Amino acid sequence: WVAENSDQTPWVEIDLLEDKLIGGVVTWPRGDGYKEHQYVKTFNIQYRAEGEAIFEYYMESGNIVVSTFVGNENVQDIVLNGFPEKIIARHVRLNILTFNNNPTIRLEILGC
């Protein structure tokens, strides 16, 4: 997934087609040898279950601050971000906070 260069608040949403128990997310940088190294450095997660109208931000229990996840720092490494507290969701949204060159990400949502 690659955001438009003009997008000031890039995000990508995954529809899992039904509610799933989710335990984390794996991210990769752009992997096609493109000369400009492109990857997402930090992001947060929003999610909602089937039938829910409003997205919730992922926060660890007892915390009033939205969790910020560290993504990639280079074009070689894969990054696993496990959720200390699992979520149930059909829709998972990654809001890109910081990135290198352009918001570009490959990702996998981890089920339990």
N, C-alpha and C. Protein backbone atom coordinates (compact mmCIF):
# COMPACT_ATOMS: atom_id res chain seq x y z
N TRP A 1 0.84 -1.17 0.00
CA TRP A 1 0.00 0.00 0.00
C TRP A 1 0.89 1.23 0.00
N VAL A 2 0.51 2.21 -0.83
CA VAL A 2 1.24 3.48 -0.91
C VAL A 2 0.22 4.61 -0.88
N ALA A 3 0.45 5.58 -0.01
CA ALA A 3 -0.43 6.75 0.06
C ALA A 3 -0.09 7.74 -1.04
N GLU A 4 -1.04 8.57 -1.37
CA GLU A 4 -0.78 9.68 -2.29
C GLU A 4 0.21 10.64 -1.63
N ASN A 5 1.10 11.22 -2.40
CA ASN A 5 2.06 12.19 -1.86
C ASN A 5 1.38 13.36 -1.17
N SER A 6 0.21 13.74 -1.64
CA SER A 6 -0.50 14.90 -1.10
C SER A 6 -1.32 14.58 0.15
N ASP A 7 -1.43 13.31 0.52
CA ASP A 7 -2.25 12.91 1.66
C ASP A 7 -1.59 13.34 2.97
N GLN A 8 -2.23 14.25 3.70
CA GLN A 8 -1.67 14.77 4.95
C GLN A 8 -1.97 13.88 6.15
N THR A 9 -2.96 13.01 6.05
CA THR A 9 -3.32 12.09 7.14
C THR A 9 -3.53 10.69 6.58
N PRO A 10 -2.46 10.04 6.13
CA PRO A 10 -2.61 8.74 5.47
C PRO A 10 -3.03 7.63 6.44
N TRP A 11 -3.87 6.74 5.94
CA TRP A 11 -4.26 5.56 6.69
C TRP A 11 -4.65 4.47 5.70
N VAL A 12 -4.59 3.25 6.18
CA VAL A 12 -5.01 2.11 5.38
C VAL A 12 -5.93 1.26 6.26
N GLU A 13 -7.02 0.79 5.68
CA GLU A 13 -8.00 0.00 6.43
C GLU A 13 -8.12 -1.39 5.82
N ILE A 14 -8.16 -2.39 6.68
CA ILE A 14 -8.32 -3.78 6.27
C ILE A 14 -9.69 -4.25 6.74
N ASP A 15 -10.49 -4.82 5.83
CA ASP A 15 -11.78 -5.41 6.16
C ASP A 15 -11.57 -6.93 6.19
N LEU A 16 -11.72 -7.52 7.37
CA LEU A 16 -11.52 -8.96 7.54
C LEU A 16 -12.77 -9.77 7.22
N LEU A 17 -13.84 -9.10 6.79
CA LEU A 17 -15.11 -9.69 6.36
C LEU A 17 -15.97 -10.22 7.50
N GLU A 18 -15.38 -10.48 8.65
CA GLU A 18 -16.13 -10.88 9.86
C GLU A 18 -15.25 -10.60 11.07
N ASP A 19 -15.87 -10.59 12.24
CA ASP A 19 -15.10 -10.36 13.47
C ASP A 19 -14.04 -11.44 13.65
N LYS A 20 -12.85 -11.00 14.02
CA LYS A 20 -11.72 -11.90 14.29
C LYS A 20 -11.03 -11.45 15.57
N LEU A 21 -10.42 -12.39 16.26
CA LEU A 21 -9.58 -12.08 17.41
C LEU A 21 -8.19 -11.76 16.87
N ILE A 22 -7.71 -10.56 17.17
CA ILE A 22 -6.46 -10.07 16.58
C ILE A 22 -5.42 -9.86 17.66
N GLY A 23 -4.22 -10.37 17.39
CA GLY A 23 -3.15 -10.31 18.38
C GLY A 23 -1.97 -9.45 18.00
N GLY A 24 -2.00 -8.81 16.82
CA GLY A 24 -0.88 -7.95 16.45
C GLY A 24 -0.84 -7.68 14.97
N VAL A 25 0.23 -7.02 14.57
CA VAL A 25 0.43 -6.66 13.17
C VAL A 25 1.91 -6.76 12.84
N VAL A 26 2.19 -7.24 11.64
CA VAL A 26 3.57 -7.31 11.13
C VAL A 26 3.67 -6.31 9.98
N THR A 27 4.76 -5.53 9.96
CA THR A 27 4.96 -4.56 8.88
C THR A 27 6.28 -4.80 8.16
N TRP A 28 6.25 -4.51 6.86
CA TRP A 28 7.42 -4.57 6.00
C TRP A 28 7.58 -3.23 5.31
N PRO A 29 8.80 -2.87 4.92
CA PRO A 29 9.00 -1.67 4.11
C PRO A 29 8.67 -1.98 2.65
N ARG A 30 8.76 -0.96 1.81
CA ARG A 30 8.60 -1.19 0.37
C ARG A 30 9.68 -2.15 -0.06
N GLY A 31 9.31 -3.19 -0.80
CA GLY A 31 10.25 -4.26 -1.06
C GLY A 31 10.64 -4.49 -2.50
N ASP A 32 10.47 -3.50 -3.36
CA ASP A 32 10.73 -3.74 -4.77
C ASP A 32 12.04 -3.14 -5.27
N GLY A 33 12.92 -2.75 -4.34
CA GLY A 33 14.20 -2.19 -4.73
C GLY A 33 14.13 -0.75 -5.20
N TYR A 34 13.01 -0.10 -4.96
CA TYR A 34 12.84 1.30 -5.36
C TYR A 34 13.95 2.14 -4.74
N LYS A 35 14.49 3.08 -5.51
CA LYS A 35 15.68 3.83 -5.09
C LYS A 35 15.46 4.67 -3.84
N GLU A 36 14.26 5.21 -3.64
CA GLU A 36 13.98 5.96 -2.42
C GLU A 36 13.45 4.99 -1.37
N HIS A 37 14.15 4.87 -0.29
CA HIS A 37 13.71 3.97 0.77
C HIS A 37 12.42 4.49 1.39
N GLN A 38 11.36 3.70 1.27
CA GLN A 38 10.05 4.11 1.75
C GLN A 38 9.54 3.12 2.78
N TYR A 39 9.15 3.64 3.94
CA TYR A 39 8.57 2.80 4.98
C TYR A 39 7.89 3.66 6.03
N VAL A 40 7.04 3.01 6.81
CA VAL A 40 6.32 3.67 7.90
C VAL A 40 7.12 3.50 9.18
N LYS A 41 7.38 4.61 9.86
CA LYS A 41 8.16 4.58 11.11
C LYS A 41 7.28 4.39 12.34
N THR A 42 6.16 5.11 12.41
CA THR A 42 5.25 4.97 13.56
C THR A 42 3.81 5.04 13.07
N PHE A 43 2.92 4.39 13.83
CA PHE A 43 1.50 4.37 13.49
C PHE A 43 0.69 4.07 14.75
N ASN A 44 -0.60 4.35 14.67
CA ASN A 44 -1.50 3.86 15.71
C ASN A 44 -2.59 3.03 15.04
N ILE A 45 -3.37 2.37 15.85
CA ILE A 45 -4.37 1.43 15.36
C ILE A 45 -5.76 1.88 15.80
N GLN A 46 -6.69 1.83 14.87
CA GLN A 46 -8.11 1.96 15.19
C GLN A 46 -8.78 0.68 14.73
N TYR A 47 -9.90 0.33 15.38
CA TYR A 47 -10.60 -0.89 15.01
C TYR A 47 -12.08 -0.77 15.37
N ARG A 48 -12.87 -1.61 14.73
CA ARG A 48 -14.28 -1.72 15.11
C ARG A 48 -14.79 -3.10 14.74
N ALA A 49 -15.71 -3.57 15.54
CA ALA A 49 -16.31 -4.88 15.33
C ALA A 49 -17.48 -4.76 14.34
N GLU A 50 -17.93 -5.89 13.87
CA GLU A 50 -19.09 -5.95 12.97
C GLU A 50 -20.26 -5.22 13.62
N GLY A 51 -20.91 -4.36 12.85
CA GLY A 51 -22.10 -3.66 13.34
C GLY A 51 -21.82 -2.40 14.14
N GLU A 52 -20.58 -2.17 14.51
CA GLU A 52 -20.22 -0.95 15.24
C GLU A 52 -20.01 0.19 14.25
N ALA A 53 -20.44 1.39 14.62
CA ALA A 53 -20.32 2.53 13.72
C ALA A 53 -19.05 3.33 13.93
N ILE A 54 -18.50 3.28 15.14
CA ILE A 54 -17.38 4.14 15.50
C ILE A 54 -16.12 3.31 15.72
N PHE A 55 -15.01 3.79 15.17
CA PHE A 55 -13.71 3.16 15.39
C PHE A 55 -13.20 3.53 16.78
N GLU A 56 -12.57 2.56 17.46
CA GLU A 56 -11.90 2.81 18.73
C GLU A 56 -10.39 2.79 18.48
N TYR A 57 -9.66 3.59 19.24
CA TYR A 57 -8.21 3.54 19.19
C TYR A 57 -7.71 2.43 20.10
N TYR A 58 -6.64 1.74 19.67
CA TYR A 58 -6.04 0.73 20.52
C TYR A 58 -5.30 1.43 21.66
N MET A 59 -5.66 1.05 22.89
CA MET A 59 -4.99 1.53 24.10
C MET A 59 -4.88 0.34 25.04
N GLU A 60 -3.76 0.24 25.72
CA GLU A 60 -3.64 -0.81 26.72
C GLU A 60 -4.54 -0.48 27.90
N SER A 61 -5.02 -1.51 28.56
CA SER A 61 -5.96 -1.36 29.67
C SER A 61 -5.43 -0.40 30.72
N GLY A 62 -6.30 0.49 31.18
CA GLY A 62 -5.91 1.45 32.21
C GLY A 62 -5.16 2.65 31.68
N ASN A 63 -4.91 2.68 30.40
CA ASN A 63 -4.15 3.78 29.79
C ASN A 63 -5.13 4.72 29.09
N ILE A 64 -4.92 6.02 29.24
CA ILE A 64 -5.79 6.98 28.55
C ILE A 64 -5.11 7.58 27.32
N VAL A 65 -3.93 7.06 27.00
CA VAL A 65 -3.17 7.54 25.86
C VAL A 65 -3.22 6.49 24.75
N VAL A 66 -3.46 6.94 23.53
CA VAL A 66 -3.48 6.04 22.38
C VAL A 66 -2.09 5.42 22.22
N SER A 67 -2.04 4.10 22.02
CA SER A 67 -0.77 3.41 21.83
C SER A 67 -0.17 3.77 20.47
N THR A 68 1.11 4.14 20.48
CA THR A 68 1.85 4.38 19.24
C THR A 68 2.78 3.21 19.02
N PHE A 69 2.72 2.62 17.84
CA PHE A 69 3.54 1.47 17.51
C PHE A 69 4.73 1.90 16.66
N VAL A 70 5.87 1.28 16.91
CA VAL A 70 7.08 1.54 16.12
C VAL A 70 7.07 0.59 14.93
N GLY A 71 7.18 1.16 13.75
CA GLY A 71 7.21 0.36 12.54
C GLY A 71 8.64 0.10 12.10
N ASN A 72 8.87 0.28 10.83
CA ASN A 72 10.17 -0.04 10.25
C ASN A 72 11.17 1.10 10.42
N GLU A 73 12.44 0.73 10.49
CA GLU A 73 13.53 1.69 10.62
C GLU A 73 14.50 1.62 9.46
N ASN A 74 14.27 0.65 8.57
CA ASN A 74 15.13 0.47 7.40
C ASN A 74 14.35 -0.34 6.36
N VAL A 75 15.00 -0.66 5.25
CA VAL A 75 14.31 -1.39 4.19
C VAL A 75 14.57 -2.90 4.21
N GLN A 76 15.26 -3.38 5.25
CA GLN A 76 15.55 -4.81 5.32
C GLN A 76 14.67 -5.56 6.32
N ASP A 77 14.39 -4.95 7.45
CA ASP A 77 13.81 -5.69 8.57
C ASP A 77 12.29 -5.71 8.58
N ILE A 78 11.76 -6.83 9.03
CA ILE A 78 10.34 -7.00 9.27
C ILE A 78 10.11 -6.69 10.74
N VAL A 79 9.00 -6.03 11.06
CA VAL A 79 8.72 -5.66 12.45
C VAL A 79 7.40 -6.28 12.90
N LEU A 80 7.45 -6.96 14.05
CA LEU A 80 6.26 -7.54 14.68
C LEU A 80 5.85 -6.67 15.85
N ASN A 81 4.61 -6.23 15.85
CA ASN A 81 4.03 -5.53 16.99
C ASN A 81 2.88 -6.38 17.51
N GLY A 82 3.15 -7.11 18.60
CA GLY A 82 2.11 -7.89 19.25
C GLY A 82 1.27 -6.99 20.14
N PHE A 83 -0.01 -7.30 20.26
CA PHE A 83 -0.89 -6.54 21.14
C PHE A 83 -0.90 -7.21 22.51
N PRO A 84 -0.47 -6.52 23.56
CA PRO A 84 -0.56 -7.10 24.90
C PRO A 84 -1.99 -7.50 25.25
N GLU A 85 -2.95 -6.76 24.72
CA GLU A 85 -4.36 -7.09 24.92
C GLU A 85 -5.00 -7.28 23.55
N LYS A 86 -5.52 -8.47 23.32
CA LYS A 86 -6.11 -8.80 22.03
C LYS A 86 -7.37 -7.97 21.79
N ILE A 87 -7.72 -7.81 20.52
CA ILE A 87 -8.94 -7.09 20.17
C ILE A 87 -9.81 -7.98 19.28
N ILE A 88 -11.10 -7.69 19.29
CA ILE A 88 -12.03 -8.34 18.37
C ILE A 88 -12.47 -7.27 17.38
N ALA A 89 -12.25 -7.53 16.10
CA ALA A 89 -12.57 -6.52 15.10
C ALA A 89 -12.81 -7.15 13.74
N ARG A 90 -13.62 -6.46 12.96
CA ARG A 90 -13.75 -6.78 11.54
C ARG A 90 -12.91 -5.81 10.72
N HIS A 91 -12.89 -4.56 11.15
CA HIS A 91 -12.15 -3.50 10.44
C HIS A 91 -10.97 -3.05 11.29
N VAL A 92 -9.79 -3.03 10.68
CA VAL A 92 -8.58 -2.57 11.36
C VAL A 92 -7.97 -1.47 10.51
N ARG A 93 -7.69 -0.34 11.15
CA ARG A 93 -7.15 0.82 10.43
C ARG A 93 -5.80 1.20 11.03
N LEU A 94 -4.79 1.34 10.19
CA LEU A 94 -3.49 1.86 10.61
C LEU A 94 -3.41 3.31 10.18
N ASN A 95 -3.26 4.19 11.16
CA ASN A 95 -3.07 5.62 10.91
C ASN A 95 -1.57 5.88 10.91
N ILE A 96 -1.05 6.31 9.79
CA ILE A 96 0.39 6.54 9.65
C ILE A 96 0.74 7.87 10.31
N LEU A 97 1.68 7.82 11.26
CA LEU A 97 2.09 9.03 11.98
C LEU A 97 3.38 9.61 11.42
N THR A 98 4.40 8.76 11.24
CA THR A 98 5.66 9.20 10.65
C THR A 98 6.13 8.17 9.64
N PHE A 99 6.93 8.63 8.68
CA PHE A 99 7.38 7.74 7.61
C PHE A 99 8.66 8.27 7.01
N ASN A 100 9.31 7.43 6.22
CA ASN A 100 10.52 7.81 5.50
C ASN A 100 10.18 7.96 4.02
N ASN A 101 10.36 9.15 3.48
CA ASN A 101 10.13 9.50 2.07
C ASN A 101 8.67 9.52 1.64
N ASN A 102 7.94 8.43 1.81
CA ASN A 102 6.54 8.37 1.43
C ASN A 102 5.87 7.28 2.26
N PRO A 103 4.61 7.49 2.68
CA PRO A 103 3.93 6.45 3.46
C PRO A 103 3.70 5.20 2.61
N THR A 104 4.51 4.19 2.84
CA THR A 104 4.46 2.93 2.10
C THR A 104 4.57 1.79 3.09
N ILE A 105 3.67 0.82 2.99
CA ILE A 105 3.69 -0.27 3.97
C ILE A 105 3.13 -1.55 3.35
N ARG A 106 3.72 -2.65 3.75
CA ARG A 106 3.14 -3.98 3.52
C ARG A 106 2.84 -4.49 4.92
N LEU A 107 1.70 -5.14 5.10
CA LEU A 107 1.35 -5.54 6.45
C LEU A 107 0.57 -6.84 6.48
N GLU A 108 0.59 -7.44 7.66
CA GLU A 108 -0.19 -8.64 7.92
C GLU A 108 -0.83 -8.48 9.28
N ILE A 109 -2.13 -8.72 9.35
CA ILE A 109 -2.86 -8.70 10.61
C ILE A 109 -2.79 -10.11 11.18
N LEU A 110 -2.37 -10.22 12.44
CA LEU A 110 -2.19 -11.53 13.06
C LEU A 110 -3.42 -11.95 13.86
N GLY A 111 -4.01 -13.06 13.46
CA GLY A 111 -5.13 -13.61 14.21
C GLY A 111 -4.65 -14.51 15.32
N CYS A 112 -5.56 -14.81 16.22
CA CYS A 112 -5.21 -15.68 17.36
C CYS A 112 -5.92 -17.01 17.23
